[in-house]
Amino acid sequence: MKALPQISEAEYEVMRIIWKYAPISTNEIVEKLCQTTSWSPKTIQTLVKRLVTKHAITYEKQSRVFVYTPLVQENEYISQESTSFLKKYYDGNISAMVSAYLENDRLSDAEIDDLRALLTKKTP
């Protein structure tokens, strides 16, 4: 897997909008994020510029409007971040992570049932 850019939490919120609505203009990004955050349009524009610099997104100028599309796929990024989290906090051991969640009552009965179903389905 290719190395993906490091994206901050704020940049990730911008990426979520771009992944969902691409191709999307600057004004549309600002409009959507102003509904869910307290960020100013200038802050959002700065985050978009950072993502361009990091090669996470690209843009095309259509008349007077910049339209953005992702260069990083959402599933690739989530996979990378999940692996990084697992290595950082659980030494790469998913069983240790699940055990920690179980021991601290952080999984609902429905989530445990979902995990059982996934494991059963995966078993040959």
C-alpha atoms as a PDB file:
ATOM      1  CA  MET A   1       0.000   0.000   0.000  1.00  0.00           C
ATOM      2  CA  LYS A   2       1.316   3.451  -0.907  1.00  0.00           C
ATOM      3  CA  ALA A   3       2.074   5.896   1.890  1.00  0.00           C
ATOM      4  CA  LEU A   4      -0.806   8.309   2.301  1.00  0.00           C
ATOM      5  CA  PRO A   5      -0.488  11.882   3.584  1.00  0.00           C
ATOM      6  CA  GLN A   6      -0.858  12.620   7.276  1.00  0.00           C
ATOM      7  CA  ILE A   7      -4.197  14.376   7.745  1.00  0.00           C
ATOM      8  CA  SER A   8      -5.165  16.263  10.903  1.00  0.00           C
ATOM      9  CA  GLU A   9      -8.568  15.792  12.533  1.00  0.00           C
ATOM     10  CA  ALA A  10      -9.800  19.084  11.079  1.00  0.00           C
ATOM     11  CA  GLU A  11      -8.518  18.177   7.619  1.00  0.00           C
ATOM     12  CA  TYR A  12     -10.245  14.816   7.963  1.00  0.00           C
ATOM     13  CA  GLU A  13     -13.582  16.606   8.452  1.00  0.00           C
ATOM     14  CA  VAL A  14     -12.981  18.462   5.178  1.00  0.00           C
ATOM     15  CA  MET A  15     -12.018  15.192   3.479  1.00  0.00           C
ATOM     16  CA  ARG A  16     -15.256  13.551   4.647  1.00  0.00           C
ATOM     17  CA  ILE A  17     -17.220  16.246   2.801  1.00  0.00           C
ATOM     18  CA  ILE A  18     -15.070  15.918  -0.315  1.00  0.00           C
ATOM     19  CA  TRP A  19     -15.324  12.117  -0.317  1.00  0.00           C
ATOM     20  CA  LYS A  20     -19.088  12.296   0.009  1.00  0.00           C
ATOM     21  CA  TYR A  21     -19.844  15.066  -2.506  1.00  0.00           C
ATOM     22  CA  ALA A  22     -16.920  15.205  -4.981  1.00  0.00           C
ATOM     23  CA  PRO A  23     -16.589  16.917  -7.301  1.00  0.00           C
ATOM     24  CA  ILE A  24     -17.370  19.841  -5.006  1.00  0.00           C
ATOM     25  CA  SER A  25     -16.647  23.577  -5.109  1.00  0.00           C
ATOM     26  CA  THR A  26     -15.005  25.652  -2.401  1.00  0.00           C
ATOM     27  CA  ASN A  27     -18.286  27.401  -1.645  1.00  0.00           C
ATOM     28  CA  GLU A  28     -20.126  24.096  -1.267  1.00  0.00           C
ATOM     29  CA  ILE A  29     -17.442  22.788   1.103  1.00  0.00           C
ATOM     30  CA  VAL A  30     -17.682  25.959   3.190  1.00  0.00           C
ATOM     31  CA  GLU A  31     -21.487  25.821   3.211  1.00  0.00           C
ATOM     32  CA  LYS A  32     -21.594  22.208   4.396  1.00  0.00           C
ATOM     33  CA  LEU A  33     -18.920  22.635   7.078  1.00  0.00           C
ATOM     34  CA  CYS A  34     -20.435  25.860   8.421  1.00  0.00           C
ATOM     35  CA  GLN A  35     -23.585  23.825   9.196  1.00  0.00           C
ATOM     36  CA  THR A  36     -21.699  21.334  11.371  1.00  0.00           C
ATOM     37  CA  THR A  37     -18.737  23.297  12.760  1.00  0.00           C
ATOM     38  CA  SER A  38     -18.014  26.727  14.193  1.00  0.00           C
ATOM     39  CA  TRP A  39     -15.190  27.286  11.694  1.00  0.00           C
ATOM     40  CA  SER A  40     -14.986  30.460   9.673  1.00  0.00           C
ATOM     41  CA  PRO A  41     -14.954  30.259   5.871  1.00  0.00           C
ATOM     42  CA  LYS A  42     -11.315  31.416   5.949  1.00  0.00           C
ATOM     43  CA  THR A  43     -10.356  28.514   8.250  1.00  0.00           C
ATOM     44  CA  ILE A  44     -12.078  26.044   5.930  1.00  0.00           C
ATOM     45  CA  GLN A  45     -10.317  27.506   2.895  1.00  0.00           C
ATOM     46  CA  THR A  46      -6.976  27.165   4.711  1.00  0.00           C
ATOM     47  CA  LEU A  47      -7.712  23.497   5.461  1.00  0.00           C
ATOM     48  CA  VAL A  48      -8.592  22.915   1.794  1.00  0.00           C
ATOM     49  CA  LYS A  49      -5.309  24.536   0.713  1.00  0.00           C
ATOM     50  CA  ARG A  50      -3.366  22.314   3.122  1.00  0.00           C
ATOM     51  CA  LEU A  51      -5.021  19.225   1.661  1.00  0.00           C
ATOM     52  CA  VAL A  52      -4.023  20.338  -1.848  1.00  0.00           C
ATOM     53  CA  THR A  53      -0.431  20.875  -0.657  1.00  0.00           C
ATOM     54  CA  LYS A  54      -0.411  17.399   0.923  1.00  0.00           C
ATOM     55  CA  HIS A  55      -1.695  15.887  -2.354  1.00  0.00           C
ATOM     56  CA  ALA A  56      -4.788  14.529  -0.623  1.00  0.00           C
ATOM     57  CA  ILE A  57      -7.052  16.414  -3.042  1.00  0.00           C
ATOM     58  CA  THR A  58      -6.732  18.053  -6.418  1.00  0.00           C
ATOM     59  CA  TYR A  59      -8.681  20.830  -8.065  1.00  0.00           C
ATOM     60  CA  GLU A  60      -9.815  22.033 -11.410  1.00  0.00           C
ATOM     61  CA  LYS A  61     -10.787  25.586 -12.196  1.00  0.00           C
ATOM     62  CA  GLN A  62     -14.181  25.702 -13.885  1.00  0.00           C
ATOM     63  CA  SER A  63     -14.743  29.283 -15.043  1.00  0.00           C
ATOM     64  CA  ARG A  64     -14.371  31.228 -11.766  1.00  0.00           C
ATOM     65  CA  VAL A  65     -14.870  28.288  -9.400  1.00  0.00           C
ATOM     66  CA  PHE A  66     -12.413  25.754  -7.989  1.00  0.00           C
ATOM     67  CA  VAL A  67     -13.796  22.224  -7.934  1.00  0.00           C
ATOM     68  CA  TYR A  68     -12.108  19.604  -5.734  1.00  0.00           C
ATOM     69  CA  THR A  69     -11.802  15.831  -5.998  1.00  0.00           C
ATOM     70  CA  PRO A  70      -9.926  13.426  -3.714  1.00  0.00           C
ATOM     71  CA  LEU A  71      -6.571  11.904  -4.641  1.00  0.00           C
ATOM     72  CA  VAL A  72      -6.730   9.692  -1.557  1.00  0.00           C
ATOM     73  CA  GLN A  73      -9.518   7.135  -1.408  1.00  0.00           C
ATOM     74  CA  GLU A  74     -11.554   7.020   1.803  1.00  0.00           C
ATOM     75  CA  ASN A  75     -11.229   3.261   2.297  1.00  0.00           C
ATOM     76  CA  GLU A  76      -7.426   3.413   1.827  1.00  0.00           C
ATOM     77  CA  TYR A  77      -7.102   6.229   4.345  1.00  0.00           C
ATOM     78  CA  ILE A  78      -9.316   4.532   6.944  1.00  0.00           C
ATOM     79  CA  SER A  79      -7.407   1.287   6.502  1.00  0.00           C
ATOM     80  CA  GLN A  80      -4.087   3.075   7.034  1.00  0.00           C
ATOM     81  CA  GLU A  81      -5.338   4.918  10.098  1.00  0.00           C
ATOM     82  CA  SER A  82      -6.876   1.751  11.585  1.00  0.00           C
ATOM     83  CA  THR A  83      -3.604  -0.119  11.165  1.00  0.00           C
ATOM     84  CA  SER A  84      -1.662   2.798  12.653  1.00  0.00           C
ATOM     85  CA  PHE A  85      -4.025   2.969  15.656  1.00  0.00           C
ATOM     86  CA  LEU A  86      -3.773  -0.772  16.226  1.00  0.00           C
ATOM     87  CA  LYS A  87       0.050  -0.704  16.080  1.00  0.00           C
ATOM     88  CA  LYS A  88       0.343   2.381  18.271  1.00  0.00           C
ATOM     89  CA  TYR A  89      -1.993   1.349  21.070  1.00  0.00           C
ATOM     90  CA  TYR A  90      -2.211  -2.448  20.892  1.00  0.00           C
ATOM     91  CA  ASP A  91       1.133  -3.452  19.359  1.00  0.00           C
ATOM     92  CA  GLY A  92      -0.754  -4.557  16.249  1.00  0.00           C
ATOM     93  CA  ASN A  93      -2.777  -7.137  18.175  1.00  0.00           C
ATOM     94  CA  ILE A  94      -6.473  -6.855  17.341  1.00  0.00           C
ATOM     95  CA  SER A  95      -7.361  -9.478  19.959  1.00  0.00           C
ATOM     96  CA  ALA A  96      -5.832  -7.256  22.637  1.00  0.00           C
ATOM     97  CA  MET A  97      -7.928  -4.341  21.413  1.00  0.00           C
ATOM     98  CA  VAL A  98     -11.179  -6.313  21.400  1.00  0.00           C
ATOM     99  CA  SER A  99     -10.337  -7.698  24.870  1.00  0.00           C
ATOM    100  CA  ALA A 100      -9.782  -4.176  26.186  1.00  0.00           C
ATOM    101  CA  TYR A 101     -13.135  -3.061  24.790  1.00  0.00           C
ATOM    102  CA  LEU A 102     -14.874  -6.103  26.282  1.00  0.00           C
ATOM    103  CA  GLU A 103     -13.236  -5.698  29.695  1.00  0.00           C
ATOM    104  CA  ASN A 104     -14.255  -2.040  29.858  1.00  0.00           C
ATOM    105  CA  ASP A 105     -17.846  -2.705  28.740  1.00  0.00           C
ATOM    106  CA  ARG A 106     -17.394  -0.580  25.637  1.00  0.00           C
ATOM    107  CA  LEU A 107     -19.186  -2.984  23.322  1.00  0.00           C
ATOM    108  CA  SER A 108     -22.951  -3.335  23.309  1.00  0.00           C
ATOM    109  CA  ASP A 109     -24.629  -6.711  23.009  1.00  0.00           C
ATOM    110  CA  ALA A 110     -25.551  -5.831  19.424  1.00  0.00           C
ATOM    111  CA  GLU A 111     -21.909  -5.023  18.589  1.00  0.00           C
ATOM    112  CA  ILE A 112     -20.770  -8.314  20.134  1.00  0.00           C
ATOM    113  CA  ASP A 113     -23.383 -10.154  18.068  1.00  0.00           C
ATOM    114  CA  ASP A 114     -22.156  -8.340  14.946  1.00  0.00           C
ATOM    115  CA  LEU A 115     -18.574  -9.391  15.704  1.00  0.00           C
ATOM    116  CA  ARG A 116     -19.657 -13.014  16.209  1.00  0.00           C
ATOM    117  CA  ALA A 117     -21.499 -12.955  12.891  1.00  0.00           C
ATOM    118  CA  LEU A 118     -18.480 -11.491  11.106  1.00  0.00           C
ATOM    119  CA  LEU A 119     -16.155 -14.108  12.571  1.00  0.00           C
ATOM    120  CA  THR A 120     -18.549 -16.935  11.767  1.00  0.00           C
ATOM    121  CA  LYS A 121     -18.908 -15.695   8.207  1.00  0.00           C
ATOM    122  CA  LYS A 122     -15.106 -15.422   7.821  1.00  0.00           C
ATOM    123  CA  THR A 123     -14.396 -18.920   9.179  1.00  0.00           C
ATOM    124  CA  PRO A 124     -13.980 -21.432   6.314  1.00  0.00           C
END
